[in-house]
N, C-alpha and C. Protein backbone atom coordinates (compact mmCIF):
# COMPACT_ATOMS: atom_id res chain seq x y z
N MET A 1 7.00 15.57 -3.31
CA MET A 1 7.18 14.78 -4.49
C MET A 1 5.92 14.61 -5.13
N ARG A 2 4.77 14.23 -4.26
CA ARG A 2 3.44 14.02 -4.88
C ARG A 2 3.01 15.12 -5.52
N ILE A 3 3.25 16.37 -5.06
CA ILE A 3 2.75 17.55 -5.87
C ILE A 3 3.50 17.71 -7.14
N LEU A 4 4.82 17.48 -7.28
CA LEU A 4 5.49 17.38 -8.51
C LEU A 4 5.04 16.39 -9.45
N LEU A 5 4.66 15.39 -8.96
CA LEU A 5 4.18 14.28 -9.98
C LEU A 5 2.91 14.54 -10.39
N THR A 6 1.92 15.23 -9.38
CA THR A 6 0.62 15.50 -9.90
C THR A 6 0.65 16.54 -10.93
N VAL A 7 1.79 17.49 -10.82
CA VAL A 7 1.79 18.69 -11.91
C VAL A 7 2.20 17.92 -13.30
N LEU A 8 3.17 17.19 -13.19
CA LEU A 8 3.74 16.54 -14.30
C LEU A 8 2.46 15.89 -15.09
N ILE A 9 1.77 15.08 -14.46
CA ILE A 9 0.55 14.34 -15.11
C ILE A 9 -0.58 15.03 -15.62
N LEU A 10 -0.80 16.33 -14.85
CA LEU A 10 -1.74 17.21 -15.72
C LEU A 10 -1.21 17.78 -16.93
N PHE A 11 -0.11 17.70 -17.32
CA PHE A 11 0.61 18.30 -18.48
C PHE A 11 0.86 17.27 -19.62
N THR A 12 0.69 15.99 -19.15
CA THR A 12 1.04 14.94 -20.04
C THR A 12 -0.03 13.81 -20.35
N ALA A 13 -1.16 13.92 -19.80
CA ALA A 13 -2.23 12.90 -19.82
C ALA A 13 -2.10 12.19 -18.47
N LEU A 14 -3.07 11.37 -18.18
CA LEU A 14 -3.06 10.87 -16.99
C LEU A 14 -1.59 10.13 -16.73
N PRO A 15 -1.25 10.36 -15.39
CA PRO A 15 -0.10 9.71 -15.33
C PRO A 15 -0.80 8.24 -15.51
N CYS A 16 6.12 1.56 -10.88
CA CYS A 16 6.51 0.86 -12.08
C CYS A 16 6.74 -0.50 -11.93
N LEU A 17 7.17 -2.10 -12.08
CA LEU A 17 7.19 -3.15 -11.36
C LEU A 17 8.69 -3.57 -11.07
N ALA A 18 8.96 -4.20 -10.24
CA ALA A 18 10.51 -4.45 -9.85
C ALA A 18 10.50 -5.82 -9.39
N GLU A 19 11.57 -6.48 -9.69
CA GLU A 19 11.84 -7.87 -8.84
C GLU A 19 13.22 -8.07 -8.54
N GLY A 20 13.42 -8.42 -7.23
CA GLY A 20 14.85 -8.80 -6.79
C GLY A 20 14.42 -9.76 -5.78
N THR A 21 15.20 -9.61 -4.61
CA THR A 21 14.93 -10.62 -3.39
C THR A 21 13.57 -10.79 -3.12
N GLU A 22 12.92 -9.68 -2.98
CA GLU A 22 11.28 -9.64 -2.68
C GLU A 22 10.55 -9.41 -3.80
N GLY A 23 11.10 -9.57 -5.08
CA GLY A 23 10.30 -9.37 -6.18
C GLY A 23 10.19 -7.85 -6.59
N MET A 24 11.30 -7.04 -6.57
CA MET A 24 11.26 -5.65 -6.89
C MET A 24 11.92 -5.18 -7.85
N VAL A 25 11.13 -4.45 -8.86
CA VAL A 25 11.59 -3.94 -10.05
C VAL A 25 11.13 -2.47 -10.08
N ALA A 26 12.16 -1.50 -10.81
CA ALA A 26 11.92 -0.11 -10.79
C ALA A 26 11.92 0.15 -12.35
N ALA A 27 11.15 1.24 -12.69
CA ALA A 27 11.09 1.78 -14.02
C ALA A 27 10.86 3.08 -14.06
N ALA A 28 11.19 3.65 -15.17
CA ALA A 28 11.08 5.27 -15.35
C ALA A 28 10.59 5.70 -16.65
N ASP A 29 9.77 6.50 -16.89
CA ASP A 29 9.26 6.79 -18.26
C ASP A 29 9.39 8.38 -18.21
N ALA A 30 10.10 9.10 -19.06
CA ALA A 30 10.33 10.61 -19.22
C ALA A 30 10.46 11.22 -17.84
N GLY A 31 11.26 10.56 -16.95
CA GLY A 31 11.52 11.20 -15.72
C GLY A 31 10.38 10.95 -14.59
N MET A 32 9.28 10.15 -15.15
CA MET A 32 8.31 9.78 -14.17
C MET A 32 8.49 8.53 -13.69
N VAL A 33 8.62 8.32 -12.26
CA VAL A 33 9.10 6.99 -11.73
C VAL A 33 7.89 6.40 -10.92
N GLY A 34 7.69 4.97 -11.06
CA GLY A 34 6.89 4.35 -10.29
C GLY A 34 7.46 2.97 -9.82
N THR A 35 6.94 2.35 -8.84
CA THR A 35 7.60 1.13 -8.50
C THR A 35 6.43 0.15 -8.47
N VAL A 36 6.73 -1.35 -8.45
CA VAL A 36 5.90 -2.38 -8.04
C VAL A 36 6.66 -3.31 -7.12
N THR A 37 6.33 -3.64 -5.93
CA THR A 37 7.01 -4.59 -5.17
C THR A 37 6.28 -5.83 -4.97
N ARG A 38 6.72 -6.83 -5.12
CA ARG A 38 6.10 -8.23 -4.93
C ARG A 38 6.57 -9.07 -3.74
N ARG A 39 5.45 -9.44 -2.91
CA ARG A 39 6.04 -10.13 -1.69
C ARG A 39 5.01 -11.29 -1.55
N ILE A 40 5.50 -12.38 -1.12
CA ILE A 40 4.58 -13.43 -0.79
C ILE A 40 4.29 -13.55 0.74
N GLU A 41 3.08 -13.37 1.14
CA GLU A 41 2.82 -13.03 2.58
C GLU A 41 1.86 -14.14 2.74
N GLY A 42 2.11 -15.21 3.68
CA GLY A 42 1.34 -16.19 4.06
C GLY A 42 0.74 -16.96 2.66
N ASP A 43 -0.68 -16.95 2.60
CA ASP A 43 -1.14 -17.62 1.43
C ASP A 43 -1.67 -16.59 0.34
N ARG A 44 -0.99 -15.63 0.22
CA ARG A 44 -1.40 -14.59 -0.65
C ARG A 44 -0.12 -13.79 -1.28
N THR A 45 -0.30 -13.24 -2.44
CA THR A 45 0.74 -12.39 -3.09
C THR A 45 0.35 -10.97 -2.89
N THR A 46 1.18 -10.17 -2.48
CA THR A 46 1.11 -8.81 -2.34
C THR A 46 1.80 -8.02 -3.50
N LEU A 47 1.22 -7.12 -4.23
CA LEU A 47 1.82 -6.33 -5.16
C LEU A 47 1.60 -4.82 -4.65
N ARG A 48 2.60 -4.16 -4.45
CA ARG A 48 2.34 -2.71 -4.01
C ARG A 48 2.83 -1.88 -5.25
N VAL A 49 2.01 -0.99 -5.47
CA VAL A 49 2.15 -0.13 -6.61
C VAL A 49 2.25 1.35 -6.13
N ALA A 50 3.24 1.94 -6.37
CA ALA A 50 3.66 3.18 -5.68
C ALA A 50 4.16 4.18 -6.75
N GLY A 51 3.68 5.49 -6.91
CA GLY A 51 4.26 6.28 -7.98
C GLY A 51 3.48 6.24 -9.05
N VAL A 52 4.13 6.83 -10.23
CA VAL A 52 3.27 7.12 -11.35
C VAL A 52 2.97 5.81 -12.29
N ILE A 53 1.91 5.61 -12.74
CA ILE A 53 1.49 4.42 -13.56
C ILE A 53 2.00 4.83 -15.13
N THR A 54 2.99 3.91 -15.57
CA THR A 54 3.58 4.44 -16.80
C THR A 54 3.50 3.06 -17.52
N ALA A 55 3.84 3.05 -18.79
CA ALA A 55 3.73 1.76 -19.65
C ALA A 55 4.70 0.80 -19.18
N ALA A 56 6.00 1.20 -18.48
CA ALA A 56 6.91 0.09 -18.08
C ALA A 56 6.21 -0.34 -16.79
N VAL A 57 5.57 0.40 -15.91
CA VAL A 57 5.15 -0.15 -14.67
C VAL A 57 3.99 -1.11 -15.14
N ALA A 58 3.15 -0.80 -16.13
CA ALA A 58 1.99 -1.62 -16.39
C ALA A 58 2.57 -2.99 -16.89
N ALA A 59 3.54 -2.97 -17.75
CA ALA A 59 4.30 -4.14 -18.31
C ALA A 59 4.54 -5.17 -17.11
N ASP A 60 5.28 -4.65 -16.18
CA ASP A 60 5.98 -5.25 -14.89
C ASP A 60 5.01 -5.66 -14.02
N PHE A 61 3.91 -4.86 -13.94
CA PHE A 61 2.84 -5.42 -12.94
C PHE A 61 2.17 -6.47 -13.60
N ILE A 62 1.71 -6.39 -14.90
CA ILE A 62 1.15 -7.51 -15.62
C ILE A 62 1.82 -8.94 -15.45
N HIS A 63 3.20 -8.69 -15.45
CA HIS A 63 4.12 -10.08 -15.48
C HIS A 63 4.11 -10.49 -14.18
N ALA A 64 4.12 -9.44 -13.02
CA ALA A 64 4.27 -10.01 -11.65
C ALA A 64 2.94 -10.67 -11.35
N LEU A 65 1.69 -10.07 -11.73
CA LEU A 65 0.45 -10.51 -11.58
C LEU A 65 0.19 -12.07 -12.23
N GLU A 66 0.52 -12.20 -13.37
CA GLU A 66 0.32 -13.29 -14.13
C GLU A 66 1.21 -14.48 -13.85
N THR A 67 2.31 -14.15 -13.05
CA THR A 67 3.36 -15.11 -12.71
C THR A 67 3.28 -15.34 -11.32
N ALA A 68 2.31 -14.86 -10.53
CA ALA A 68 2.12 -15.05 -8.98
C ALA A 68 1.68 -16.57 -8.95
N PRO A 69 2.17 -17.10 -7.78
CA PRO A 69 1.71 -18.54 -7.51
C PRO A 69 0.29 -18.73 -7.78
N ALA A 70 -0.05 -19.87 -8.48
CA ALA A 70 -1.30 -20.03 -8.96
C ALA A 70 -2.30 -20.45 -7.62
N ALA A 71 -3.49 -20.08 -7.90
CA ALA A 71 -4.67 -20.32 -6.91
C ALA A 71 -4.39 -19.47 -5.60
N ARG A 72 -3.41 -18.63 -5.63
CA ARG A 72 -3.28 -17.83 -4.41
C ARG A 72 -4.10 -16.60 -4.71
N PRO A 73 -4.59 -15.77 -3.78
CA PRO A 73 -5.16 -14.48 -3.95
C PRO A 73 -3.92 -13.52 -4.12
N VAL A 74 -4.38 -12.52 -4.68
CA VAL A 74 -3.46 -11.36 -4.96
C VAL A 74 -4.05 -10.10 -4.27
N LEU A 75 -3.22 -9.38 -3.50
CA LEU A 75 -3.72 -8.18 -3.05
C LEU A 75 -2.74 -7.05 -3.71
N VAL A 76 -3.59 -6.06 -4.32
CA VAL A 76 -2.94 -4.96 -5.11
C VAL A 76 -2.94 -3.50 -4.11
N ASP A 77 -1.86 -3.19 -3.53
CA ASP A 77 -1.77 -2.33 -2.43
C ASP A 77 -1.19 -0.91 -3.26
N LEU A 78 -2.33 0.07 -3.28
CA LEU A 78 -2.01 1.23 -4.10
C LEU A 78 -1.76 2.44 -3.45
N ASP A 79 -0.74 3.26 -3.96
CA ASP A 79 -0.42 4.54 -3.49
C ASP A 79 0.06 5.26 -4.63
N SER A 80 -0.85 5.98 -5.60
CA SER A 80 -0.36 6.34 -6.78
C SER A 80 -0.96 7.86 -7.05
N PRO A 81 -0.42 8.92 -7.60
CA PRO A 81 -1.02 9.96 -8.21
C PRO A 81 -1.67 9.81 -9.53
N GLY A 82 -1.71 8.51 -10.13
CA GLY A 82 -2.15 8.30 -11.52
C GLY A 82 -1.02 7.91 -12.46
N GLY A 83 -1.46 8.13 -13.73
CA GLY A 83 -0.55 7.91 -14.71
C GLY A 83 -1.17 7.89 -16.11
N PHE A 84 -0.58 7.28 -17.05
CA PHE A 84 -1.26 7.12 -18.28
C PHE A 84 -2.33 6.16 -18.62
N VAL A 85 -3.16 6.75 -19.28
CA VAL A 85 -4.50 5.99 -19.40
C VAL A 85 -4.29 4.75 -20.01
N LYS A 86 -3.45 4.57 -21.14
CA LYS A 86 -3.32 3.34 -21.75
C LYS A 86 -2.66 2.45 -20.91
N ALA A 87 -1.80 2.70 -20.06
CA ALA A 87 -1.00 1.77 -19.11
C ALA A 87 -1.90 1.32 -18.04
N GLY A 88 -2.83 2.43 -17.61
CA GLY A 88 -3.90 1.84 -16.64
C GLY A 88 -4.88 0.90 -16.97
N TYR A 89 -5.40 1.14 -18.30
CA TYR A 89 -6.40 0.08 -18.92
C TYR A 89 -5.66 -1.20 -19.01
N ALA A 90 -4.27 -1.36 -19.43
CA ALA A 90 -3.71 -2.45 -19.47
C ALA A 90 -3.75 -3.11 -18.19
N MET A 91 -3.47 -2.60 -17.26
CA MET A 91 -3.47 -3.08 -15.75
C MET A 91 -4.89 -3.58 -15.37
N ILE A 92 -5.82 -2.76 -15.68
CA ILE A 92 -7.16 -3.21 -15.37
C ILE A 92 -7.51 -4.47 -16.01
N ASP A 93 -7.45 -4.62 -17.44
CA ASP A 93 -7.50 -5.77 -18.16
C ASP A 93 -7.04 -6.89 -17.74
N ALA A 94 -5.69 -6.83 -17.21
CA ALA A 94 -5.05 -7.93 -16.81
C ALA A 94 -5.63 -8.33 -15.49
N MET A 95 -6.12 -7.52 -14.60
CA MET A 95 -6.83 -7.84 -13.23
C MET A 95 -8.15 -8.57 -13.63
N LEU A 96 -8.75 -7.96 -14.46
CA LEU A 96 -10.03 -8.65 -14.82
C LEU A 96 -9.80 -10.16 -15.52
N ARG A 97 -8.92 -10.29 -16.22
CA ARG A 97 -8.55 -11.79 -16.73
C ARG A 97 -8.26 -12.57 -15.55
N GLN A 98 -7.57 -12.04 -14.75
CA GLN A 98 -7.18 -13.09 -13.58
C GLN A 98 -8.48 -13.37 -12.78
N ARG A 99 -9.28 -12.28 -12.42
CA ARG A 99 -10.51 -12.70 -11.85
C ARG A 99 -11.38 -13.53 -12.52
N ALA A 100 -11.54 -13.51 -13.92
CA ALA A 100 -12.31 -14.44 -14.75
C ALA A 100 -11.70 -15.63 -14.78
N ALA A 101 -10.44 -15.91 -14.34
CA ALA A 101 -9.85 -17.48 -14.45
C ALA A 101 -9.97 -17.89 -13.01
N GLY A 102 -10.71 -17.11 -12.23
CA GLY A 102 -10.85 -17.58 -10.90
C GLY A 102 -10.01 -17.22 -9.61
N ARG A 103 -8.92 -16.31 -9.92
CA ARG A 103 -8.31 -15.80 -8.78
C ARG A 103 -8.89 -14.78 -8.21
N THR A 104 -8.88 -14.41 -6.97
CA THR A 104 -9.30 -13.40 -6.04
C THR A 104 -8.31 -12.21 -6.30
N VAL A 105 -8.56 -10.94 -6.71
CA VAL A 105 -7.90 -9.85 -6.79
C VAL A 105 -8.34 -8.75 -5.94
N VAL A 106 -7.70 -8.41 -4.83
CA VAL A 106 -8.31 -7.51 -4.02
C VAL A 106 -7.49 -6.22 -4.16
N THR A 107 -7.91 -5.10 -4.02
CA THR A 107 -7.47 -3.78 -4.03
C THR A 107 -7.54 -3.11 -2.90
N LEU A 108 -6.54 -2.31 -2.36
CA LEU A 108 -6.40 -1.70 -1.05
C LEU A 108 -5.67 -0.38 -1.22
N VAL A 109 -6.20 0.62 -0.59
CA VAL A 109 -5.52 1.94 -0.44
C VAL A 109 -5.36 2.01 1.18
N ARG A 110 -4.22 2.35 1.63
CA ARG A 110 -3.98 2.47 3.23
C ARG A 110 -4.28 3.96 3.54
N GLY A 111 -4.48 4.16 4.83
CA GLY A 111 -4.87 5.44 5.61
C GLY A 111 -4.15 6.61 4.95
N SER A 112 -2.86 6.37 4.85
CA SER A 112 -1.78 7.28 4.55
C SER A 112 -1.55 7.52 3.32
N ALA A 113 -2.33 6.69 2.32
CA ALA A 113 -2.06 6.81 0.91
C ALA A 113 -3.05 7.49 0.12
N ALA A 114 -2.93 7.69 -1.17
CA ALA A 114 -3.75 8.26 -1.98
C ALA A 114 -3.86 7.59 -3.31
N CYS A 115 -5.06 7.64 -3.92
CA CYS A 115 -5.44 6.75 -5.29
C CYS A 115 -5.94 7.78 -6.08
N GLU A 116 -5.22 8.30 -7.07
CA GLU A 116 -5.74 9.45 -7.87
C GLU A 116 -5.72 9.10 -9.28
N SER A 117 -6.70 9.88 -10.23
CA SER A 117 -6.67 9.79 -11.47
C SER A 117 -6.64 8.36 -11.85
N MET A 118 -5.86 7.89 -12.73
CA MET A 118 -5.86 6.49 -13.31
C MET A 118 -5.63 5.54 -12.28
N CYS A 119 -5.20 5.75 -11.20
CA CYS A 119 -5.00 4.78 -10.00
C CYS A 119 -6.52 4.43 -9.65
N PHE A 120 -7.58 5.50 -9.76
CA PHE A 120 -8.90 5.24 -9.22
C PHE A 120 -9.43 4.02 -10.13
N GLY A 121 -9.05 3.93 -11.36
CA GLY A 121 -9.57 2.85 -12.14
C GLY A 121 -9.22 1.48 -11.91
N VAL A 122 -7.56 1.52 -11.59
CA VAL A 122 -7.08 0.38 -11.20
C VAL A 122 -7.73 -0.29 -9.98
N PHE A 123 -8.05 0.73 -9.02
CA PHE A 123 -8.70 0.31 -7.83
C PHE A 123 -9.90 -0.36 -7.89
N MET A 124 -10.80 0.21 -8.76
CA MET A 124 -11.96 -0.42 -9.12
C MET A 124 -11.84 -1.84 -9.87
N ALA A 125 -10.78 -2.25 -10.37
CA ALA A 125 -10.64 -3.52 -11.04
C ALA A 125 -10.64 -4.64 -9.90
N GLY A 126 -10.43 -4.29 -8.60
CA GLY A 126 -10.36 -5.30 -7.62
C GLY A 126 -11.84 -5.47 -7.18
N LEU A 127 -11.88 -6.70 -6.43
CA LEU A 127 -13.02 -7.11 -5.62
C LEU A 127 -12.72 -8.18 -4.60
N PRO A 128 -12.83 -7.93 -3.40
CA PRO A 128 -13.37 -6.58 -2.76
C PRO A 128 -12.51 -5.51 -2.72
N ARG A 129 -12.90 -4.35 -2.73
CA ARG A 129 -12.32 -3.10 -2.67
C ARG A 129 -11.97 -2.34 -1.60
N ARG A 130 -10.92 -2.49 -0.79
CA ARG A 130 -10.83 -2.15 0.66
C ARG A 130 -10.15 -0.85 0.75
N ALA A 131 -10.31 0.03 1.63
CA ALA A 131 -9.61 1.23 2.05
C ALA A 131 -9.57 1.47 3.50
N GLU A 132 -8.55 1.97 3.96
CA GLU A 132 -8.50 2.11 5.30
C GLU A 132 -9.17 3.70 5.57
N ALA A 133 -9.81 3.95 6.79
CA ALA A 133 -10.16 5.25 7.02
C ALA A 133 -9.01 6.34 6.76
N GLY A 134 -9.32 7.32 5.97
CA GLY A 134 -8.27 8.52 5.95
C GLY A 134 -7.68 8.50 4.50
N ALA A 135 -7.84 7.29 4.02
CA ALA A 135 -7.25 7.19 2.37
C ALA A 135 -8.11 8.16 1.45
N SER A 136 -7.31 8.72 0.73
CA SER A 136 -7.93 9.82 -0.28
C SER A 136 -7.99 9.22 -1.74
N PHE A 137 -9.06 9.70 -2.24
CA PHE A 137 -9.26 9.26 -3.76
C PHE A 137 -9.50 10.47 -4.62
N MET A 138 -9.25 10.57 -5.83
CA MET A 138 -9.33 11.62 -6.71
C MET A 138 -9.83 11.14 -8.14
N VAL A 139 -10.84 11.75 -8.66
CA VAL A 139 -11.33 11.61 -9.95
C VAL A 139 -11.12 12.74 -10.88
N HIS A 140 -10.92 12.69 -12.11
CA HIS A 140 -10.92 13.90 -12.90
C HIS A 140 -10.88 13.53 -14.39
N ALA A 141 -10.97 14.36 -15.29
CA ALA A 141 -11.14 14.03 -16.72
C ALA A 141 -9.74 13.59 -17.28
N PRO A 142 -9.70 12.46 -18.12
CA PRO A 142 -8.63 11.94 -18.56
C PRO A 142 -8.08 12.90 -19.86
N ARG A 143 -6.88 12.88 -20.17
CA ARG A 143 -6.39 13.59 -21.27
C ARG A 143 -5.93 12.71 -22.29
N ASP A 144 -6.10 13.04 -23.50
CA ASP A 144 -5.52 12.28 -24.77
C ASP A 144 -3.99 12.14 -24.57
N GLU A 145 -3.47 10.97 -24.61
CA GLU A 145 -1.96 10.71 -24.35
C GLU A 145 -1.14 11.40 -25.56
N ARG A 146 -1.60 11.65 -26.66
CA ARG A 146 -0.76 12.10 -27.58
C ARG A 146 -0.93 13.76 -27.84
N SER A 147 -2.05 14.08 -27.70
CA SER A 147 -2.30 15.62 -27.68
C SER A 147 -2.33 16.24 -26.27
N GLY A 148 -2.55 15.73 -25.32
CA GLY A 148 -2.67 16.17 -24.02
C GLY A 148 -3.94 16.84 -23.91
N ILE A 149 -4.94 16.73 -24.74
CA ILE A 149 -6.19 17.50 -24.71
C ILE A 149 -7.19 16.62 -24.19
N ILE A 150 -8.22 17.09 -23.37
CA ILE A 150 -9.42 16.40 -22.90
C ILE A 150 -10.47 16.37 -24.01
N SER A 151 -11.07 15.32 -24.32
CA SER A 151 -11.83 15.12 -25.26
C SER A 151 -13.31 14.44 -24.86
N LEU A 152 -14.32 14.64 -25.45
CA LEU A 152 -15.61 13.88 -25.09
C LEU A 152 -15.28 12.29 -25.33
N ARG A 153 -14.44 12.01 -26.20
CA ARG A 153 -14.26 10.48 -26.37
C ARG A 153 -13.41 9.94 -25.09
N THR A 154 -12.46 10.50 -24.67
CA THR A 154 -11.71 9.93 -23.66
C THR A 154 -12.68 10.07 -22.28
N ILE A 155 -13.27 10.94 -22.10
CA ILE A 155 -14.30 11.23 -20.98
C ILE A 155 -15.35 10.04 -20.92
N ASN A 156 -15.96 9.87 -22.05
CA ASN A 156 -16.83 8.81 -22.18
C ASN A 156 -16.19 7.45 -22.06
N GLU A 157 -15.11 7.13 -22.62
CA GLU A 157 -14.47 5.85 -22.42
C GLU A 157 -14.32 5.62 -20.80
N MET A 158 -13.86 6.62 -20.24
CA MET A 158 -13.49 6.47 -18.82
C MET A 158 -14.69 6.27 -18.01
N LYS A 159 -15.59 7.10 -18.29
CA LYS A 159 -16.87 6.97 -17.53
C LYS A 159 -17.29 5.48 -17.74
N ALA A 160 -17.37 5.06 -18.91
CA ALA A 160 -17.92 3.48 -19.26
C ALA A 160 -17.17 2.69 -18.51
N ARG A 161 -15.94 2.80 -18.61
CA ARG A 161 -15.11 1.82 -18.05
C ARG A 161 -15.29 1.75 -16.50
N LEU A 162 -15.45 2.88 -15.69
CA LEU A 162 -15.75 2.89 -14.43
C LEU A 162 -16.92 2.37 -14.06
N ALA A 163 -18.07 2.82 -14.80
CA ALA A 163 -19.23 2.03 -14.60
C ALA A 163 -19.30 0.56 -14.90
N GLY A 164 -18.32 0.12 -15.79
CA GLY A 164 -18.47 -1.34 -16.05
C GLY A 164 -17.65 -2.01 -15.02
N LEU A 165 -17.01 -1.49 -14.17
CA LEU A 165 -16.22 -1.87 -12.99
C LEU A 165 -17.11 -1.94 -11.76
N GLY A 166 -18.08 -1.39 -11.97
CA GLY A 166 -19.11 -1.37 -10.64
C GLY A 166 -19.53 -0.06 -10.10
N THR A 167 -18.69 1.20 -10.59
CA THR A 167 -18.95 2.46 -9.92
C THR A 167 -20.42 2.91 -10.18
N SER A 168 -21.11 3.39 -9.19
CA SER A 168 -22.37 3.64 -9.34
C SER A 168 -22.74 4.77 -10.29
N PRO A 169 -23.34 4.70 -11.20
CA PRO A 169 -23.74 5.74 -12.41
C PRO A 169 -24.14 6.98 -11.68
N ALA A 170 -24.95 6.73 -10.59
CA ALA A 170 -25.53 8.09 -9.96
C ALA A 170 -24.32 8.78 -9.26
N TRP A 171 -23.33 8.06 -8.76
CA TRP A 171 -22.20 8.71 -8.16
C TRP A 171 -21.48 9.37 -9.35
N LEU A 172 -21.32 8.64 -10.44
CA LEU A 172 -20.47 9.37 -11.62
C LEU A 172 -21.21 10.55 -11.84
N GLN A 173 -22.55 10.62 -12.19
CA GLN A 173 -23.17 11.66 -12.38
C GLN A 173 -22.91 12.96 -11.42
N THR A 174 -22.86 12.52 -10.15
CA THR A 174 -22.55 13.57 -9.22
C THR A 174 -21.17 14.00 -9.40
N VAL A 175 -20.17 13.24 -9.67
CA VAL A 175 -18.76 13.82 -9.99
C VAL A 175 -18.88 14.79 -11.27
N ALA A 176 -19.84 14.36 -12.37
CA ALA A 176 -19.91 15.31 -13.41
C ALA A 176 -20.56 16.65 -13.03
N ASP A 177 -21.55 16.47 -12.12
CA ASP A 177 -22.20 17.63 -11.60
C ASP A 177 -21.34 18.55 -10.96
N ARG A 178 -20.23 17.92 -10.14
CA ARG A 178 -19.07 18.69 -9.61
C ARG A 178 -18.26 19.31 -10.42
N GLY A 179 -18.30 19.09 -11.66
CA GLY A 179 -17.18 19.47 -12.76
C GLY A 179 -16.06 18.72 -12.79
N GLY A 180 -16.23 17.26 -12.31
CA GLY A 180 -15.18 16.56 -12.09
C GLY A 180 -14.63 15.90 -13.72
N PHE A 181 -15.41 16.08 -14.62
CA PHE A 181 -14.98 15.51 -16.03
C PHE A 181 -14.87 16.92 -16.85
N SER A 182 -14.83 18.10 -16.35
CA SER A 182 -14.74 19.26 -17.11
C SER A 182 -13.23 19.53 -17.60
N GLY A 183 -12.14 18.97 -16.83
CA GLY A 183 -10.88 19.28 -17.09
C GLY A 183 -10.48 20.52 -15.89
N ARG A 184 -11.37 21.00 -15.34
CA ARG A 184 -10.94 22.26 -14.29
C ARG A 184 -11.07 21.82 -12.91
N VAL A 185 -11.59 20.61 -12.66
CA VAL A 185 -11.89 20.16 -11.28
C VAL A 185 -11.48 18.69 -10.78
N ASP A 186 -10.63 18.87 -9.85
CA ASP A 186 -10.30 17.25 -9.20
C ASP A 186 -11.30 17.26 -8.11
N VAL A 187 -12.10 16.13 -8.31
CA VAL A 187 -13.01 15.49 -7.24
C VAL A 187 -12.26 14.69 -6.34
N ARG A 188 -12.38 15.16 -5.03
CA ARG A 188 -11.44 14.28 -3.97
C ARG A 188 -12.47 13.85 -3.03
N GLU A 189 -12.40 12.64 -2.68
CA GLU A 189 -13.11 11.94 -1.60
C GLU A 189 -12.27 11.12 -0.68
N ARG A 190 -12.81 11.02 0.73
CA ARG A 190 -12.22 10.14 1.65
C ARG A 190 -12.80 8.92 1.43
N ALA A 191 -12.12 8.02 2.06
CA ALA A 191 -12.57 6.45 1.90
C ALA A 191 -13.83 6.51 2.58
N GLU A 192 -14.03 7.24 3.71
CA GLU A 192 -14.99 6.96 4.66
C GLU A 192 -16.37 7.59 3.98
N ASP A 193 -16.38 8.62 3.05
CA ASP A 193 -17.34 9.25 2.51
C ASP A 193 -17.76 8.20 1.39
N LEU A 194 -16.71 7.69 0.57
CA LEU A 194 -17.11 6.66 -0.48
C LEU A 194 -17.80 5.40 0.18
N ALA A 195 -17.35 5.13 1.17
CA ALA A 195 -17.97 3.80 1.64
C ALA A 195 -19.47 4.02 2.09
N HIS A 196 -19.69 5.18 2.31
CA HIS A 196 -21.36 5.38 2.94
C HIS A 196 -21.97 6.18 1.97
N SER A 197 -21.48 6.57 0.65
CA SER A 197 -22.22 7.23 -0.28
C SER A 197 -23.09 6.56 -1.18
N GLY A 198 -23.05 5.16 -1.29
CA GLY A 198 -23.63 4.35 -2.33
C GLY A 198 -22.78 4.37 -3.53
N ALA A 199 -21.60 4.80 -3.54
CA ALA A 199 -20.74 5.06 -4.81
C ALA A 199 -20.29 3.53 -5.33
N ASN A 200 -20.21 2.61 -4.41
CA ASN A 200 -20.00 1.12 -4.67
C ASN A 200 -18.30 1.10 -5.22
N VAL A 201 -17.70 2.11 -4.61
CA VAL A 201 -16.17 2.27 -4.84
C VAL A 201 -15.43 1.55 -3.70
N VAL A 202 -15.56 1.93 -2.48
CA VAL A 202 -14.85 1.27 -1.49
C VAL A 202 -16.04 0.12 -0.86
N THR A 203 -15.85 -0.94 -0.88
CA THR A 203 -16.89 -2.00 -0.51
C THR A 203 -16.51 -2.41 0.76
N GLU A 204 -15.40 -2.25 1.46
CA GLU A 204 -14.87 -2.65 2.74
C GLU A 204 -14.19 -1.45 3.37
N LEU A 205 -14.62 -0.84 4.42
CA LEU A 205 -13.84 0.26 5.20
C LEU A 205 -13.23 -0.40 6.33
N LEU A 206 -11.88 -0.18 6.30
CA LEU A 206 -10.96 -0.81 7.48
C LEU A 206 -10.58 0.52 8.19
N VAL A 207 -10.30 0.12 9.65
CA VAL A 207 -9.76 1.11 10.52
C VAL A 207 -8.30 1.08 10.09
N ALA A 208 -7.86 2.56 10.07
CA ALA A 208 -6.29 2.66 9.67
C ALA A 208 -5.36 2.10 10.82
N ARG A 209 -4.32 1.55 10.46
CA ARG A 209 -3.34 0.80 11.45
C ARG A 209 -2.55 2.00 11.83
């Protein structure tokens, strides 16, 4: 399933929230599905984002984030092959607004999970940014959502966003040197490597449970 979703993303531009008894909502865009599950755990709210980041996912995620109990920290638990750039940016902006208002927003990728493409940007919007050993990350060039074409504008915007969120400019240059913004290469890194590379991506490396 992950391979299929990744293939779909590459052809459409970077690749949802749910609410029921435990705050669950599901959404689908053009056959691409993601979920966001909300749970209250002790003194924090956990939002688990799994699957493709679509406009519907972003809208539901933002609603869940903004209606989380006041003053409680939020943990954003990510396992996603990425998604649409505009949707991801909306999620990032919402997380930054919550942080600016004084809420702690932590991001986490578990050891069995992956955070790829647009998910990487969402991960960077948290602080601290935690990952379990074995977690996988991937960065590549974003595509224009209308044309599906990789452009210098979309690349520069993504690089500026990542740098603004704290990603080391030196590490971003390393990604570029490896062809990560060329449209031909997906740069993949393990949490352990990111934590010790000076990338300022993973700020807390955890032992996988």
